[in-house]
Amino acid sequence: MNLKYLLVGSLVLLSSLNVQAGNKDRIGQAGAQELLINPWTRSAGMAGAGSASIEGLESLRWNVSGLAFTNKTELMFSHKTWIGGSDIDINAFGFSQKVGSSGVLGLSVMSMSFGEIEFTTVDLPEGGIGTFSPQFINLGLSYARAFSESIFGGLTVRSISESIASSGASGVAFDAGIRYVRNNLKFGIALRNVGPKMQFSGDGFATKVFLNNKEFTLNNRSEAFELPSILNMGISYDLLIGERVDEDGKALNSEHRVTFSSTFTSNSFGKDLIRGGVEYSFREIVMLRAGLAYEEGMFDDVTSSTSFAGPAFGATIQAPLNANKSTFNVDYSFEPGNPFQSHGIAVRINI
């Protein structure tokens, strides 16, 4: 129980340090923006509104405490085309395993590829000397557990790697989250992307100069940048209609479930977001979702600072594999933009 109080205290302390969040004047002053991109599909279909309700590997981008709801073992692979037409692809893989009676370990990998880019120099600004392909990868190790029937918490440590032509940067970020569940009502708070500054370095910052008819190599230094830390506070409610029971009278699930979710995201280097979403489930086999992430001025072309300016949608087909709640799932999400769109698809197995 002491760990529970330590986790709660840490979140309160870190939240108090984040009081400058939502400062739109700081837009562009943080790097590693891929940490704000959600590679998963279920949560994307609700525009991230389900930070208090998302369970399993999906929760690692919103509130890691949701990992504690893993049944036994979960495997997931997701592919997303990011801002369609830009040749940016996102691939993500996750694995989680229950350890002991109440703990869950999780491993997640997210990779962004940007296609082939023409290599240019000062002397050859038109290129013609080859191409390079930037690569962004982050690897997360998470642990979550149930402290009681109502309180769940978790922690994530994530390594960050960014590489471009002859240069790169690496860093580490930490996430922490806690969730309170009371019957069909859920509350959650999570602090994400907290860590030391990152800095690019490498041969790409070196250039040849001449002094007194002698050639020298001049190494330039890049400015260090901060991580895009955010604070998520969410609430959700499950409306259950028509309880189903098996032939022995044991409860299975409800005939229909409607989950209403909302999340407030406080950004340290950008505008705050208010997210709202709803998910409908028929017998936990077919699920439909919709959501909207709203920020100030997003519908005005002059003041908008996001490419996403509309509701997100998603769907899931979940096939039961046995009586032990094992399932095979196919998830889809669509996030409209202005003018870009993002499509995502994922497959998962819960054992």
Protein backbone atom coordinates (compact mmCIF):
# COMPACT_ATOMS: atom_id res chain seq x y z
CA MET A 1 0.00 0.00 0.00
CA ASN A 2 2.91 2.37 0.60
CA LEU A 3 3.72 2.23 -3.12
CA LYS A 4 0.18 3.40 -3.87
CA TYR A 5 0.57 6.49 -1.70
CA LEU A 6 4.00 7.17 -3.20
CA LEU A 7 2.54 7.02 -6.72
CA VAL A 8 -0.34 9.34 -5.84
CA GLY A 9 2.00 11.78 -4.12
CA SER A 10 4.37 11.79 -7.07
CA LEU A 11 1.55 12.59 -9.49
CA VAL A 12 0.30 15.44 -7.31
CA LEU A 13 3.81 16.87 -7.01
CA LEU A 14 4.56 16.56 -10.72
CA SER A 15 1.17 18.02 -11.62
CA SER A 16 1.93 21.07 -9.50
CA LEU A 17 5.16 21.54 -11.44
CA ASN A 18 3.14 21.58 -14.67
CA VAL A 19 1.09 24.68 -13.85
CA GLN A 20 2.52 26.51 -16.90
CA ALA A 21 0.80 24.00 -19.19
CA GLY A 22 -1.37 25.20 -22.01
CA ASN A 23 0.90 28.13 -22.93
CA LYS A 24 0.33 28.60 -26.66
CA ASP A 25 3.32 30.97 -26.77
CA ARG A 26 5.59 27.95 -26.22
CA ILE A 27 4.42 26.08 -29.32
CA GLY A 28 7.45 24.79 -31.22
CA GLN A 29 9.84 24.99 -28.24
CA ALA A 30 9.77 21.24 -27.53
CA GLY A 31 11.04 18.36 -29.60
CA ALA A 32 10.36 14.61 -29.80
CA GLN A 33 6.81 15.38 -30.92
CA GLU A 34 6.31 11.74 -31.88
CA LEU A 35 5.68 11.13 -28.17
CA LEU A 36 2.35 12.94 -28.64
CA ILE A 37 1.28 10.74 -31.56
CA ASN A 38 -0.99 7.83 -30.72
CA PRO A 39 0.02 4.74 -32.75
CA TRP A 40 -2.90 2.61 -31.55
CA THR A 41 -6.32 2.43 -33.17
CA ARG A 42 -9.01 1.83 -30.55
CA SER A 43 -8.15 4.96 -28.60
CA ALA A 44 -7.67 6.91 -31.86
CA GLY A 45 -11.26 6.13 -32.82
CA MET A 46 -12.39 8.10 -29.75
CA ALA A 47 -9.86 10.91 -30.35
CA GLY A 48 -8.08 9.93 -27.14
CA ALA A 49 -11.11 10.68 -24.96
CA GLY A 50 -10.96 7.29 -23.21
CA SER A 51 -7.87 7.84 -21.07
CA ALA A 52 -9.86 6.64 -18.02
CA SER A 53 -11.46 3.65 -19.77
CA ILE A 54 -8.89 2.29 -22.26
CA GLU A 55 -7.41 -0.99 -21.02
CA GLY A 56 -4.39 -3.10 -21.91
CA LEU A 57 -1.63 -2.02 -24.28
CA GLU A 58 -3.77 0.80 -25.71
CA SER A 59 -3.49 2.61 -22.38
CA LEU A 60 0.28 3.10 -22.65
CA ARG A 61 -0.19 6.32 -24.66
CA TRP A 62 -2.83 7.74 -22.33
CA ASN A 63 -2.74 6.35 -18.80
CA VAL A 64 -0.44 3.43 -18.09
CA SER A 65 -2.59 2.29 -15.14
CA GLY A 66 -4.95 0.71 -17.69
CA LEU A 67 -2.30 -1.94 -18.35
CA ALA A 68 -3.29 -3.51 -15.01
CA PHE A 69 -6.55 -4.73 -16.61
CA THR A 70 -4.71 -7.21 -18.86
CA ASN A 71 -6.40 -10.60 -18.57
CA LYS A 72 -3.22 -12.68 -18.88
CA THR A 73 -1.29 -12.06 -22.11
CA GLU A 74 -1.84 -9.49 -24.86
CA LEU A 75 -0.13 -9.13 -28.23
CA MET A 76 -0.85 -6.27 -30.62
CA PHE A 77 0.47 -4.93 -33.92
CA SER A 78 -0.74 -1.64 -35.38
CA HIS A 79 -0.08 0.17 -38.66
CA LYS A 80 -1.09 3.75 -39.35
CA THR A 81 -0.72 6.06 -42.34
CA TRP A 82 -0.06 9.45 -40.77
CA ILE A 83 -1.40 12.59 -42.48
CA GLY A 84 -2.10 10.74 -45.72
CA GLY A 85 -0.02 11.64 -48.75
CA SER A 86 3.06 12.54 -46.69
CA ASP A 87 4.61 9.03 -46.95
CA ILE A 88 4.80 8.89 -43.15
CA ASP A 89 4.02 5.43 -41.77
CA ILE A 90 3.75 4.43 -38.12
CA ASN A 91 4.22 0.84 -36.96
CA ALA A 92 3.75 -0.21 -33.36
CA PHE A 93 4.06 -3.48 -31.50
CA GLY A 94 3.10 -4.29 -27.94
CA PHE A 95 3.34 -7.25 -25.59
CA SER A 96 2.05 -7.52 -22.03
CA GLN A 97 2.10 -10.32 -19.50
CA LYS A 98 0.46 -10.65 -16.13
CA VAL A 99 2.95 -11.33 -13.33
CA GLY A 100 1.79 -12.50 -9.94
CA SER A 101 -1.79 -11.95 -8.86
CA SER A 102 -2.09 -8.23 -9.56
CA GLY A 103 0.91 -6.99 -11.62
CA VAL A 104 1.38 -6.64 -15.38
CA LEU A 105 4.57 -6.03 -17.37
CA GLY A 106 4.36 -4.41 -20.78
CA LEU A 107 6.74 -3.79 -23.67
CA SER A 108 5.91 -1.42 -26.54
CA VAL A 109 7.77 -0.27 -29.65
CA MET A 110 6.77 2.56 -31.98
CA SER A 111 8.57 3.32 -35.23
CA MET A 112 8.01 6.19 -37.68
CA SER A 113 9.37 6.09 -41.24
CA PHE A 114 9.35 9.06 -43.60
CA GLY A 115 10.25 7.50 -46.95
CA GLU A 116 13.26 8.48 -49.04
CA ILE A 117 14.38 12.14 -48.96
CA GLU A 118 16.80 13.68 -51.45
CA PHE A 119 20.18 14.45 -49.93
CA THR A 120 21.31 18.02 -50.61
CA THR A 121 24.30 20.16 -49.67
CA VAL A 122 25.24 23.83 -49.91
CA ASP A 123 27.22 23.07 -53.05
CA LEU A 124 24.53 20.77 -54.48
CA PRO A 125 21.17 22.23 -53.43
CA GLU A 126 19.34 20.29 -56.17
CA GLY A 127 20.49 16.94 -54.85
CA GLY A 128 21.42 14.10 -57.16
CA ILE A 129 23.89 12.56 -54.68
CA GLY A 130 21.60 10.02 -53.05
CA THR A 131 18.80 9.82 -50.52
CA PHE A 132 18.39 9.23 -46.81
CA SER A 133 15.50 7.99 -44.66
CA PRO A 134 14.90 9.52 -41.21
CA GLN A 135 13.84 7.06 -38.51
CA PHE A 136 12.16 7.77 -35.16
CA ILE A 137 11.89 4.89 -32.67
CA ASN A 138 10.83 4.74 -29.05
CA LEU A 139 10.82 1.71 -26.80
CA GLY A 140 8.77 1.58 -23.61
CA LEU A 141 8.91 -0.71 -20.59
CA SER A 142 5.86 -0.49 -18.34
CA TYR A 143 4.60 -1.95 -15.10
CA ALA A 144 1.10 -1.61 -13.67
CA ARG A 145 -0.77 -3.26 -10.85
CA ALA A 146 -4.01 -3.30 -8.92
CA PHE A 147 -3.57 -1.93 -5.40
CA SER A 148 -7.17 -2.71 -4.49
CA GLU A 149 -10.46 -3.44 -6.22
CA SER A 150 -10.76 0.29 -6.99
CA ILE A 151 -7.25 1.72 -7.34
CA PHE A 152 -4.80 0.93 -10.15
CA GLY A 153 -1.45 2.53 -10.93
CA GLY A 154 1.45 2.20 -13.32
CA LEU A 155 4.81 3.53 -14.49
CA THR A 156 6.59 3.61 -17.88
CA VAL A 157 10.18 4.34 -18.82
CA ARG A 158 10.66 5.04 -22.52
CA SER A 159 13.83 5.37 -24.59
CA ILE A 160 13.73 7.81 -27.51
CA SER A 161 15.82 7.68 -30.67
CA GLU A 162 15.70 10.09 -33.62
CA SER A 163 18.04 9.82 -36.60
CA ILE A 164 18.41 11.84 -39.77
CA ALA A 165 21.27 12.11 -42.26
CA SER A 166 24.54 11.77 -40.31
CA SER A 167 22.93 13.10 -37.11
CA GLY A 168 20.81 11.82 -34.28
CA ALA A 169 19.48 12.38 -30.80
CA SER A 170 18.51 10.06 -27.95
CA GLY A 171 16.78 10.51 -24.64
CA VAL A 172 14.54 8.99 -22.00
CA ALA A 173 11.03 9.84 -20.82
CA PHE A 174 8.89 8.74 -17.90
CA ASP A 175 5.12 8.28 -17.56
CA ALA A 176 3.03 7.69 -14.44
CA GLY A 177 -0.69 7.15 -14.08
CA ILE A 178 -3.37 6.18 -11.60
CA ARG A 179 -7.00 5.17 -12.01
CA TYR A 180 -9.93 4.92 -9.63
CA VAL A 181 -12.83 2.63 -10.51
CA ARG A 182 -16.19 2.67 -8.73
CA ASN A 183 -18.73 0.34 -10.33
CA ASN A 184 -19.26 1.73 -13.85
CA LEU A 185 -17.57 5.07 -13.14
CA LYS A 186 -13.83 5.57 -13.76
CA PHE A 187 -11.45 8.44 -13.04
CA GLY A 188 -7.83 8.69 -14.20
CA ILE A 189 -4.89 11.07 -14.09
CA ALA A 190 -1.56 10.60 -15.86
CA LEU A 191 1.59 12.60 -16.39
CA ARG A 192 3.50 11.76 -19.56
CA ASN A 193 6.80 12.55 -21.30
CA VAL A 194 8.77 13.84 -18.34
CA GLY A 195 12.53 13.65 -18.74
CA PRO A 196 15.81 15.45 -19.39
CA LYS A 197 16.46 17.55 -22.49
CA MET A 198 17.58 15.98 -25.76
CA GLN A 199 20.20 17.27 -28.19
CA PHE A 200 21.18 16.38 -31.75
CA SER A 201 24.80 15.63 -32.59
CA GLY A 202 26.84 13.87 -35.26
CA ASP A 203 28.81 14.42 -38.45
CA GLY A 204 25.89 16.33 -39.93
CA PHE A 205 26.88 19.30 -37.77
CA ALA A 206 30.45 19.34 -39.07
CA THR A 207 31.62 21.48 -41.97
CA LYS A 208 34.95 22.17 -43.65
CA VAL A 209 36.39 25.68 -43.34
CA PHE A 210 39.62 27.30 -44.55
CA LEU A 211 41.84 29.55 -42.50
CA ASN A 212 45.24 30.79 -43.66
CA ASN A 213 45.06 28.41 -46.62
CA LYS A 214 44.56 25.47 -44.25
CA GLU A 215 41.53 23.21 -44.09
CA PHE A 216 39.81 22.62 -40.74
CA THR A 217 36.69 20.75 -39.60
CA LEU A 218 34.29 22.95 -37.67
CA ASN A 219 31.84 21.17 -35.37
CA ASN A 220 28.68 23.11 -34.63
CA ARG A 221 26.58 22.52 -31.54
CA SER A 222 22.82 22.15 -31.68
CA GLU A 223 20.51 23.64 -29.08
CA ALA A 224 19.08 21.18 -26.55
CA PHE A 225 15.29 20.84 -26.50
CA GLU A 226 12.73 19.78 -23.93
CA LEU A 227 10.25 16.92 -24.12
CA PRO A 228 6.54 17.63 -24.79
CA SER A 229 5.22 16.80 -21.32
CA ILE A 230 1.45 16.60 -20.89
CA LEU A 231 -1.09 15.91 -18.15
CA ASN A 232 -4.18 13.80 -18.91
CA MET A 233 -7.24 13.87 -16.63
CA GLY A 234 -10.10 11.62 -17.68
CA ILE A 235 -13.51 10.33 -16.64
CA SER A 236 -15.76 7.68 -18.17
CA TYR A 237 -19.06 5.96 -17.46
CA ASP A 238 -20.37 2.61 -18.73
CA LEU A 239 -24.10 2.37 -19.40
CA LEU A 240 -25.00 -1.34 -19.45
CA ILE A 241 -28.24 -2.57 -21.01
CA GLY A 242 -29.52 -6.16 -20.89
CA GLU A 243 -27.23 -8.32 -18.73
CA ARG A 244 -26.35 -11.67 -20.28
CA VAL A 245 -25.83 -14.90 -18.32
CA ASP A 246 -24.70 -18.37 -19.32
CA GLU A 247 -26.62 -21.62 -18.84
CA ASP A 248 -25.31 -21.89 -15.27
CA GLY A 249 -26.58 -18.44 -14.39
CA LYS A 250 -23.11 -16.83 -14.35
CA ALA A 251 -22.82 -13.27 -15.68
CA LEU A 252 -21.13 -12.95 -19.08
CA ASN A 253 -21.54 -9.33 -20.16
CA SER A 254 -24.28 -6.96 -21.15
CA GLU A 255 -26.21 -7.16 -24.38
CA HIS A 256 -25.37 -3.53 -25.06
CA ARG A 257 -22.76 -1.21 -23.55
CA VAL A 258 -22.42 2.50 -24.16
CA THR A 259 -19.31 4.18 -22.73
CA PHE A 260 -19.17 7.95 -22.43
CA SER A 261 -15.65 9.34 -22.00
CA SER A 262 -13.96 12.69 -21.64
CA THR A 263 -10.32 13.72 -21.18
CA PHE A 264 -8.69 17.06 -20.54
CA THR A 265 -5.13 17.26 -21.87
CA SER A 266 -2.91 20.00 -20.48
CA ASN A 267 0.04 20.67 -22.78
CA SER A 268 3.28 22.21 -21.56
CA PHE A 269 4.18 23.41 -25.07
CA GLY A 270 0.89 24.00 -26.79
CA LYS A 271 -2.81 24.56 -26.48
CA ASP A 272 -4.88 22.52 -24.06
CA LEU A 273 -7.26 19.91 -25.49
CA ILE A 274 -10.75 18.86 -24.46
CA ARG A 275 -11.59 15.40 -25.75
CA GLY A 276 -15.01 13.75 -25.81
CA GLY A 277 -16.02 10.37 -27.13
CA VAL A 278 -18.54 7.55 -27.06
CA GLU A 279 -18.23 3.81 -27.69
CA TYR A 280 -21.10 1.42 -28.39
CA SER A 281 -20.61 -2.32 -27.94
CA PHE A 282 -22.89 -5.19 -28.90
CA ARG A 283 -22.10 -8.22 -26.73
CA GLU A 284 -18.44 -7.12 -26.72
CA ILE A 285 -18.22 -8.48 -30.27
CA VAL A 286 -18.92 -5.43 -32.43
CA MET A 287 -17.83 -1.98 -31.22
CA LEU A 288 -18.29 1.42 -32.82
CA ARG A 289 -16.60 4.65 -31.68
CA ALA A 290 -16.58 8.36 -32.32
CA GLY A 291 -14.79 11.24 -30.65
CA LEU A 292 -13.53 14.79 -31.01
CA ALA A 293 -10.40 16.52 -29.66
CA TYR A 294 -11.06 20.25 -29.45
CA GLU A 295 -8.51 23.01 -29.03
CA GLU A 296 -9.01 26.76 -29.15
CA GLY A 297 -9.23 28.16 -32.68
CA MET A 298 -9.04 24.77 -34.42
CA PHE A 299 -11.84 25.55 -36.89
CA ASP A 300 -10.23 28.82 -38.02
CA ASP A 301 -7.57 28.47 -40.73
CA VAL A 302 -5.72 31.47 -39.28
CA THR A 303 -5.58 30.39 -35.62
CA SER A 304 -5.58 26.60 -35.99
CA SER A 305 -2.39 24.83 -34.89
CA THR A 306 -3.54 21.28 -35.65
CA SER A 307 -4.09 19.36 -38.86
CA PHE A 308 -6.99 17.44 -37.29
CA ALA A 309 -10.18 19.46 -37.42
CA GLY A 310 -13.02 17.01 -37.12
CA PRO A 311 -14.38 13.97 -35.27
CA ALA A 312 -12.53 10.65 -35.27
CA PHE A 313 -14.21 7.31 -35.89
CA GLY A 314 -13.37 3.69 -35.21
CA ALA A 315 -14.67 0.12 -35.15
CA THR A 316 -13.68 -3.26 -33.73
CA ILE A 317 -14.59 -6.85 -34.45
CA GLN A 318 -13.78 -9.05 -31.44
CA ALA A 319 -14.03 -12.82 -31.81
CA PRO A 320 -14.10 -14.96 -28.64
CA LEU A 321 -11.61 -17.84 -28.74
CA ASN A 322 -12.61 -19.77 -25.62
CA ALA A 323 -14.49 -19.51 -22.33
CA ASN A 324 -11.49 -17.91 -20.58
CA LYS A 325 -12.07 -14.49 -22.17
CA SER A 326 -9.44 -15.06 -24.86
CA THR A 327 -10.20 -13.01 -27.97
CA PHE A 328 -8.91 -12.13 -31.41
CA ASN A 329 -9.53 -8.51 -32.44
CA VAL A 330 -9.31 -6.36 -35.55
CA ASP A 331 -9.46 -2.59 -34.93
CA TYR A 332 -9.82 0.29 -37.37
CA SER A 333 -9.62 4.06 -36.91
CA PHE A 334 -10.10 7.10 -39.12
CA GLU A 335 -8.94 10.59 -38.15
CA PRO A 336 -9.99 13.29 -40.64
CA GLY A 337 -7.80 16.31 -41.11
CA ASN A 338 -7.48 19.57 -42.97
CA PRO A 339 -6.47 18.59 -45.57
CA PHE A 340 -4.83 15.33 -44.41
CA GLN A 341 -6.36 12.12 -43.03
CA SER A 342 -4.97 9.24 -41.01
CA HIS A 343 -6.08 5.61 -41.21
CA GLY A 344 -5.05 2.93 -38.73
CA ILE A 345 -5.56 -0.81 -38.47
CA ALA A 346 -4.48 -3.18 -35.72
CA VAL A 347 -4.73 -6.84 -34.84
CA ARG A 348 -4.52 -8.12 -31.28
CA ILE A 349 -4.77 -11.32 -29.34
CA ASN A 350 -5.86 -11.47 -25.71
CA ILE A 351 -5.16 -14.77 -23.99
